[in-house]
Amino acid sequence: MFLDLKMPGRNGFDVLRWIKQRPATSLKIVILSGSQQPGDIKLAKELGAHGYLVKPATAERLKEFLEPATDKASL
């Protein structure tokens, strides 16, 4: 799931907190934001984000988060 920090009504940090309160949820969440503030990046990580991309993100960077991790030992 790609999540922006700045949304109408709620911000991405509110959504991350809400998801974190639901332990049965196993979403891989990547923040896609225009903010490069170290505090925003740190808080996103503390709240459980799996990654943080600054807009505009390249297609290659987006693809890194969309492809499943490959276990090279099993190849």
PDB file of N, CA and C in Angstrom:
ATOM      1  N   MET A   1       0.851  -1.162   0.000  1.00  0.00           N
ATOM      2  CA  MET A   1       0.000   0.000   0.000  1.00  0.00           C
ATOM      3  C   MET A   1       0.899   1.227   0.000  1.00  0.00           C
ATOM      4  N   PHE A   2       0.671   2.135  -0.934  1.00  0.00           N
ATOM      5  CA  PHE A   2       1.354   3.413  -0.928  1.00  0.00           C
ATOM      6  C   PHE A   2       0.465   4.408  -0.196  1.00  0.00           C
ATOM      7  N   LEU A   3       1.056   5.162   0.716  1.00  0.00           N
ATOM      8  CA  LEU A   3       0.295   6.066   1.568  1.00  0.00           C
ATOM      9  C   LEU A   3       0.949   7.437   1.550  1.00  0.00           C
ATOM     10  N   ASP A   4       0.159   8.465   1.262  1.00  0.00           N
ATOM     11  CA  ASP A   4       0.660   9.837   1.306  1.00  0.00           C
ATOM     12  C   ASP A   4       0.482  10.358   2.731  1.00  0.00           C
ATOM     13  N   LEU A   5       1.363  11.264   3.150  1.00  0.00           N
ATOM     14  CA  LEU A   5       1.224  11.851   4.481  1.00  0.00           C
ATOM     15  C   LEU A   5       0.175  12.951   4.511  1.00  0.00           C
ATOM     16  N   LYS A   6       0.017  13.658   3.398  1.00  0.00           N
ATOM     17  CA  LYS A   6      -0.914  14.780   3.364  1.00  0.00           C
ATOM     18  C   LYS A   6      -2.150  14.396   2.569  1.00  0.00           C
ATOM     19  N   MET A   7      -3.238  14.174   3.307  1.00  0.00           N
ATOM     20  CA  MET A   7      -4.515  13.808   2.698  1.00  0.00           C
ATOM     21  C   MET A   7      -5.605  14.658   3.332  1.00  0.00           C
ATOM     22  N   PRO A   8      -6.716  14.842   2.662  1.00  0.00           N
ATOM     23  CA  PRO A   8      -7.808  15.608   3.272  1.00  0.00           C
ATOM     24  C   PRO A   8      -8.436  14.831   4.429  1.00  0.00           C
ATOM     25  N   GLY A   9      -8.684  15.522   5.516  1.00  0.00           N
ATOM     26  CA  GLY A   9      -9.368  14.903   6.654  1.00  0.00           C
ATOM     27  C   GLY A   9      -8.429  14.256   7.648  1.00  0.00           C
ATOM     28  N   ARG A  10      -7.581  13.356   7.203  1.00  0.00           N
ATOM     29  CA  ARG A  10      -6.610  12.668   8.056  1.00  0.00           C
ATOM     30  C   ARG A  10      -5.264  12.695   7.360  1.00  0.00           C
ATOM     31  N   ASN A  11      -4.214  12.601   8.160  1.00  0.00           N
ATOM     32  CA  ASN A  11      -2.915  12.516   7.515  1.00  0.00           C
ATOM     33  C   ASN A  11      -2.408  11.074   7.553  1.00  0.00           C
ATOM     34  N   GLY A  12      -1.356  10.813   6.828  1.00  0.00           N
ATOM     35  CA  GLY A  12      -0.822   9.462   6.735  1.00  0.00           C
ATOM     36  C   GLY A  12      -0.385   8.889   8.070  1.00  0.00           C
ATOM     37  N   PHE A  13       0.089   9.745   8.977  1.00  0.00           N
ATOM     38  CA  PHE A  13       0.478   9.262  10.303  1.00  0.00           C
ATOM     39  C   PHE A  13      -0.732   8.733  11.060  1.00  0.00           C
ATOM     40  N   ASP A  14      -1.883   9.409  10.926  1.00  0.00           N
ATOM     41  CA  ASP A  14      -3.119   8.915  11.558  1.00  0.00           C
ATOM     42  C   ASP A  14      -3.486   7.537  11.012  1.00  0.00           C
ATOM     43  N   VAL A  15      -3.357   7.366   9.713  1.00  0.00           N
ATOM     44  CA  VAL A  15      -3.689   6.081   9.085  1.00  0.00           C
ATOM     45  C   VAL A  15      -2.724   5.000   9.562  1.00  0.00           C
ATOM     46  N   LEU A  16      -1.423   5.307   9.643  1.00  0.00           N
ATOM     47  CA  LEU A  16      -0.447   4.331  10.143  1.00  0.00           C
ATOM     48  C   LEU A  16      -0.770   3.915  11.574  1.00  0.00           C
ATOM     49  N   ARG A  17      -1.121   4.891  12.422  1.00  0.00           N
ATOM     50  CA  ARG A  17      -1.493   4.565  13.815  1.00  0.00           C
ATOM     51  C   ARG A  17      -2.708   3.646  13.839  1.00  0.00           C
ATOM     52  N   TRP A  18      -3.699   3.941  13.007  1.00  0.00           N
ATOM     53  CA  TRP A  18      -4.923   3.138  12.959  1.00  0.00           C
ATOM     54  C   TRP A  18      -4.610   1.706  12.528  1.00  0.00           C
ATOM     55  N   ILE A  19      -3.776   1.563  11.506  1.00  0.00           N
ATOM     56  CA  ILE A  19      -3.401   0.224  11.020  1.00  0.00           C
ATOM     57  C   ILE A  19      -2.603  -0.525  12.085  1.00  0.00           C
ATOM     58  N   LYS A  20      -1.693   0.168  12.764  1.00  0.00           N
ATOM     59  CA  LYS A  20      -0.854  -0.468  13.790  1.00  0.00           C
ATOM     60  C   LYS A  20      -1.694  -1.022  14.939  1.00  0.00           C
ATOM     61  N   GLN A  21      -2.852  -0.423  15.198  1.00  0.00           N
ATOM     62  CA  GLN A  21      -3.747  -0.883  16.257  1.00  0.00           C
ATOM     63  C   GLN A  21      -4.475  -2.168  15.878  1.00  0.00           C
ATOM     64  N   ARG A  22      -4.340  -2.592  14.646  1.00  0.00           N
ATOM     65  CA  ARG A  22      -4.976  -3.808  14.156  1.00  0.00           C
ATOM     66  C   ARG A  22      -3.898  -4.835  13.810  1.00  0.00           C
ATOM     67  N   PRO A  23      -3.461  -5.600  14.808  1.00  0.00           N
ATOM     68  CA  PRO A  23      -2.336  -6.517  14.595  1.00  0.00           C
ATOM     69  C   PRO A  23      -2.589  -7.592  13.542  1.00  0.00           C
ATOM     70  N   ALA A  24      -3.827  -7.893  13.237  1.00  0.00           N
ATOM     71  CA  ALA A  24      -4.117  -8.920  12.227  1.00  0.00           C
ATOM     72  C   ALA A  24      -3.875  -8.391  10.810  1.00  0.00           C
ATOM     73  N   THR A  25      -3.679  -7.088  10.675  1.00  0.00           N
ATOM     74  CA  THR A  25      -3.445  -6.488   9.365  1.00  0.00           C
ATOM     75  C   THR A  25      -1.987  -6.665   8.980  1.00  0.00           C
ATOM     76  N   SER A  26      -1.754  -7.255   7.834  1.00  0.00           N
ATOM     77  CA  SER A  26      -0.374  -7.504   7.406  1.00  0.00           C
ATOM     78  C   SER A  26      -0.066  -6.784   6.095  1.00  0.00           C
ATOM     79  N   LEU A  27      -0.400  -5.519   6.047  1.00  0.00           N
ATOM     80  CA  LEU A  27      -0.122  -4.726   4.860  1.00  0.00           C
ATOM     81  C   LEU A  27       1.325  -4.268   4.851  1.00  0.00           C
ATOM     82  N   LYS A  28       1.939  -4.260   3.686  1.00  0.00           N
ATOM     83  CA  LYS A  28       3.238  -3.639   3.513  1.00  0.00           C
ATOM     84  C   LYS A  28       2.952  -2.202   3.094  1.00  0.00           C
ATOM     85  N   ILE A  29       3.315  -1.256   3.947  1.00  0.00           N
ATOM     86  CA  ILE A  29       2.970   0.140   3.720  1.00  0.00           C
ATOM     87  C   ILE A  29       4.225   0.942   3.405  1.00  0.00           C
ATOM     88  N   VAL A  30       4.188   1.656   2.297  1.00  0.00           N
ATOM     89  CA  VAL A  30       5.278   2.525   1.878  1.00  0.00           C
ATOM     90  C   VAL A  30       4.735   3.948   1.806  1.00  0.00           C
ATOM     91  N   ILE A  31       5.405   4.859   2.491  1.00  0.00           N
ATOM     92  CA  ILE A  31       5.015   6.263   2.437  1.00  0.00           C
ATOM     93  C   ILE A  31       5.543   6.854   1.135  1.00  0.00           C
ATOM     94  N   LEU A  32       4.695   7.561   0.433  1.00  0.00           N
ATOM     95  CA  LEU A  32       5.054   8.266  -0.789  1.00  0.00           C
ATOM     96  C   LEU A  32       4.682   9.719  -0.538  1.00  0.00           C
ATOM     97  N   SER A  33       5.687  10.556  -0.245  1.00  0.00           N
ATOM     98  CA  SER A  33       5.415  11.905   0.235  1.00  0.00           C
ATOM     99  C   SER A  33       6.349  12.920  -0.398  1.00  0.00           C
ATOM    100  N   GLY A  34       5.934  14.150  -0.380  1.00  0.00           N
ATOM    101  CA  GLY A  34       6.787  15.241  -0.819  1.00  0.00           C
ATOM    102  C   GLY A  34       7.715  15.710   0.292  1.00  0.00           C
ATOM    103  N   SER A  35       7.488  15.253   1.512  1.00  0.00           N
ATOM    104  CA  SER A  35       8.284  15.673   2.660  1.00  0.00           C
ATOM    105  C   SER A  35       9.601  14.905   2.748  1.00  0.00           C
ATOM    106  N   GLN A  36      10.676  15.647   2.910  1.00  0.00           N
ATOM    107  CA  GLN A  36      11.989  15.054   3.136  1.00  0.00           C
ATOM    108  C   GLN A  36      12.459  15.294   4.564  1.00  0.00           C
ATOM    109  N   GLN A  37      11.542  15.729   5.419  1.00  0.00           N
ATOM    110  CA  GLN A  37      11.892  16.057   6.799  1.00  0.00           C
ATOM    111  C   GLN A  37      12.326  14.802   7.554  1.00  0.00           C
ATOM    112  N   PRO A  38      13.516  14.813   8.169  1.00  0.00           N
ATOM    113  CA  PRO A  38      13.981  13.646   8.923  1.00  0.00           C
ATOM    114  C   PRO A  38      12.985  13.192   9.993  1.00  0.00           C
ATOM    115  N   GLY A  39      12.290  14.148  10.619  1.00  0.00           N
ATOM    116  CA  GLY A  39      11.301  13.794  11.632  1.00  0.00           C
ATOM    117  C   GLY A  39      10.131  13.006  11.057  1.00  0.00           C
ATOM    118  N   ASP A  40       9.702  13.355   9.846  1.00  0.00           N
ATOM    119  CA  ASP A  40       8.614  12.629   9.194  1.00  0.00           C
ATOM    120  C   ASP A  40       9.052  11.204   8.850  1.00  0.00           C
ATOM    121  N   ILE A  41      10.269  11.079   8.340  1.00  0.00           N
ATOM    122  CA  ILE A  41      10.792   9.759   7.969  1.00  0.00           C
ATOM    123  C   ILE A  41      10.927   8.884   9.212  1.00  0.00           C
ATOM    124  N   LYS A  42      11.452   9.447  10.287  1.00  0.00           N
ATOM    125  CA  LYS A  42      11.625   8.703  11.548  1.00  0.00           C
ATOM    126  C   LYS A  42      10.268   8.257  12.111  1.00  0.00           C
ATOM    127  N   LEU A  43       9.301   9.171  12.153  1.00  0.00           N
ATOM    128  CA  LEU A  43       7.985   8.829  12.691  1.00  0.00           C
ATOM    129  C   LEU A  43       7.297   7.764  11.847  1.00  0.00           C
ATOM    130  N   ALA A  44       7.409   7.864  10.541  1.00  0.00           N
ATOM    131  CA  ALA A  44       6.802   6.851   9.663  1.00  0.00           C
ATOM    132  C   ALA A  44       7.378   5.473   9.975  1.00  0.00           C
ATOM    133  N   LYS A  45       8.676   5.399  10.157  1.00  0.00           N
ATOM    134  CA  LYS A  45       9.331   4.120  10.473  1.00  0.00           C
ATOM    135  C   LYS A  45       8.872   3.607  11.841  1.00  0.00           C
ATOM    136  N   GLU A  46       8.808   4.501  12.826  1.00  0.00           N
ATOM    137  CA  GLU A  46       8.360   4.120  14.169  1.00  0.00           C
ATOM    138  C   GLU A  46       6.926   3.598  14.156  1.00  0.00           C
ATOM    139  N   LEU A  47       6.107   4.119  13.255  1.00  0.00           N
ATOM    140  CA  LEU A  47       4.708   3.711  13.172  1.00  0.00           C
ATOM    141  C   LEU A  47       4.499   2.484  12.293  1.00  0.00           C
ATOM    142  N   GLY A  48       5.585   1.927  11.768  1.00  0.00           N
ATOM    143  CA  GLY A  48       5.466   0.664  11.050  1.00  0.00           C
ATOM    144  C   GLY A  48       5.547   0.712   9.545  1.00  0.00           C
ATOM    145  N   ALA A  49       5.874   1.865   8.959  1.00  0.00           N
ATOM    146  CA  ALA A  49       6.018   1.923   7.506  1.00  0.00           C
ATOM    147  C   ALA A  49       7.210   1.064   7.085  1.00  0.00           C
ATOM    148  N   HIS A  50       7.062   0.366   5.977  1.00  0.00           N
ATOM    149  CA  HIS A  50       8.123  -0.503   5.461  1.00  0.00           C
ATOM    150  C   HIS A  50       9.116   0.243   4.587  1.00  0.00           C
ATOM    151  N   GLY A  51       8.753   1.445   4.173  1.00  0.00           N
ATOM    152  CA  GLY A  51       9.637   2.240   3.332  1.00  0.00           C
ATOM    153  C   GLY A  51       9.133   3.659   3.239  1.00  0.00           C
ATOM    154  N   TYR A  52       9.975   4.514   2.700  1.00  0.00           N
ATOM    155  CA  TYR A  52       9.633   5.927   2.569  1.00  0.00           C
ATOM    156  C   TYR A  52      10.243   6.427   1.272  1.00  0.00           C
ATOM    157  N   LEU A  53       9.402   6.891   0.368  1.00  0.00           N
ATOM    158  CA  LEU A  53       9.846   7.440  -0.909  1.00  0.00           C
ATOM    159  C   LEU A  53       9.432   8.894  -0.993  1.00  0.00           C
ATOM    160  N   VAL A  54      10.337   9.725  -1.505  1.00  0.00           N
ATOM    161  CA  VAL A  54      10.027  11.143  -1.688  1.00  0.00           C
ATOM    162  C   VAL A  54       9.581  11.354  -3.129  1.00  0.00           C
ATOM    163  N   LYS A  55       8.457  12.072  -3.287  1.00  0.00           N
ATOM    164  CA  LYS A  55       7.930  12.381  -4.614  1.00  0.00           C
ATOM    165  C   LYS A  55       8.790  13.433  -5.281  1.00  0.00           C
ATOM    166  N   PRO A  56       8.935  13.394  -6.566  1.00  0.00           N
ATOM    167  CA  PRO A  56       8.441  12.330  -7.437  1.00  0.00           C
ATOM    168  C   PRO A  56       9.401  11.142  -7.397  1.00  0.00           C
ATOM    169  N   ALA A  57       8.864   9.974  -7.234  1.00  0.00           N
ATOM    170  CA  ALA A  57       9.660   8.747  -7.200  1.00  0.00           C
ATOM    171  C   ALA A  57       9.778   8.201  -8.622  1.00  0.00           C
ATOM    172  N   THR A  58      10.905   7.633  -8.918  1.00  0.00           N
ATOM    173  CA  THR A  58      11.102   7.053 -10.243  1.00  0.00           C
ATOM    174  C   THR A  58      10.372   5.720 -10.335  1.00  0.00           C
ATOM    175  N   ALA A  59      10.120   5.296 -11.544  1.00  0.00           N
ATOM    176  CA  ALA A  59       9.466   4.003 -11.764  1.00  0.00           C
ATOM    177  C   ALA A  59      10.304   2.878 -11.168  1.00  0.00           C
ATOM    178  N   GLU A  60      11.608   2.996 -11.259  1.00  0.00           N
ATOM    179  CA  GLU A  60      12.493   1.957 -10.720  1.00  0.00           C
ATOM    180  C   GLU A  60      12.351   1.842  -9.201  1.00  0.00           C
ATOM    181  N   ARG A  61      12.284   2.992  -8.513  1.00  0.00           N
ATOM    182  CA  ARG A  61      12.132   2.973  -7.048  1.00  0.00           C
ATOM    183  C   ARG A  61      10.775   2.406  -6.651  1.00  0.00           C
ATOM    184  N   LEU A  62       9.716   2.768  -7.368  1.00  0.00           N
ATOM    185  CA  LEU A  62       8.397   2.220  -7.069  1.00  0.00           C
ATOM    186  C   LEU A  62       8.393   0.712  -7.277  1.00  0.00           C
ATOM    187  N   LYS A  63       9.037   0.266  -8.335  1.00  0.00           N
ATOM    188  CA  LYS A  63       9.080  -1.158  -8.660  1.00  0.00           C
ATOM    189  C   LYS A  63       9.772  -1.961  -7.558  1.00  0.00           C
ATOM    190  N   GLU A  64      10.782  -1.385  -6.918  1.00  0.00           N
ATOM    191  CA  GLU A  64      11.480  -2.060  -5.821  1.00  0.00           C
ATOM    192  C   GLU A  64      10.517  -2.470  -4.714  1.00  0.00           C
ATOM    193  N   PHE A  65       9.536  -1.636  -4.458  1.00  0.00           N
ATOM    194  CA  PHE A  65       8.586  -1.911  -3.387  1.00  0.00           C
ATOM    195  C   PHE A  65       7.424  -2.790  -3.831  1.00  0.00           C
ATOM    196  N   LEU A  66       7.202  -2.880  -5.129  1.00  0.00           N
ATOM    197  CA  LEU A  66       6.096  -3.684  -5.643  1.00  0.00           C
ATOM    198  C   LEU A  66       6.479  -5.135  -5.860  1.00  0.00           C
ATOM    199  N   GLU A  67       7.736  -5.397  -6.153  1.00  0.00           N
ATOM    200  CA  GLU A  67       8.168  -6.761  -6.406  1.00  0.00           C
ATOM    201  C   GLU A  67       8.384  -7.481  -5.081  1.00  0.00           C
ATOM    202  N   PRO A  68       7.949  -8.729  -5.008  1.00  0.00           N
ATOM    203  CA  PRO A  68       8.209  -9.490  -3.775  1.00  0.00           C
ATOM    204  C   PRO A  68       9.693  -9.740  -3.618  1.00  0.00           C
ATOM    205  N   ALA A  69      10.128  -9.822  -2.370  1.00  0.00           N
ATOM    206  CA  ALA A  69      11.529 -10.120  -2.108  1.00  0.00           C
ATOM    207  C   ALA A  69      11.846 -11.516  -2.609  1.00  0.00           C
ATOM    208  N   THR A  70      13.015 -11.678  -3.205  1.00  0.00           N
ATOM    209  CA  THR A  70      13.417 -12.955  -3.737  1.00  0.00           C
ATOM    210  C   THR A  70      14.417 -13.594  -2.793  1.00  0.00           C
ATOM    211  N   ASP A  71      14.163 -14.823  -2.428  1.00  0.00           N
ATOM    212  CA  ASP A  71      15.089 -15.569  -1.589  1.00  0.00           C
ATOM    213  C   ASP A  71      16.079 -16.280  -2.519  1.00  0.00           C
ATOM    214  N   LYS A  72      17.245 -15.697  -2.702  1.00  0.00           N
ATOM    215  CA  LYS A  72      18.205 -16.227  -3.651  1.00  0.00           C
ATOM    216  C   LYS A  72      18.709 -17.619  -3.258  1.00  0.00           C
ATOM    217  N   ALA A  73      18.639 -17.953  -1.984  1.00  0.00           N
ATOM    218  CA  ALA A  73      19.092 -19.256  -1.523  1.00  0.00           C
ATOM    219  C   ALA A  73      18.199 -20.375  -2.064  1.00  0.00           C
ATOM    220  N   SER A  74      16.958 -20.045  -2.370  1.00  0.00           N
ATOM    221  CA  SER A  74      16.026 -21.089  -2.837  1.00  0.00           C
ATOM    222  C   SER A  74      15.996 -21.196  -4.356  1.00  0.00           C
ATOM    223  N   LEU A  75      16.773 -20.371  -5.058  1.00  0.00           N
ATOM    224  CA  LEU A  75      16.773 -20.418  -6.525  1.00  0.00           C
ATOM    225  C   LEU A  75      17.591 -21.568  -7.049  1.00  0.00           C
TER     226      LEU A  75
END
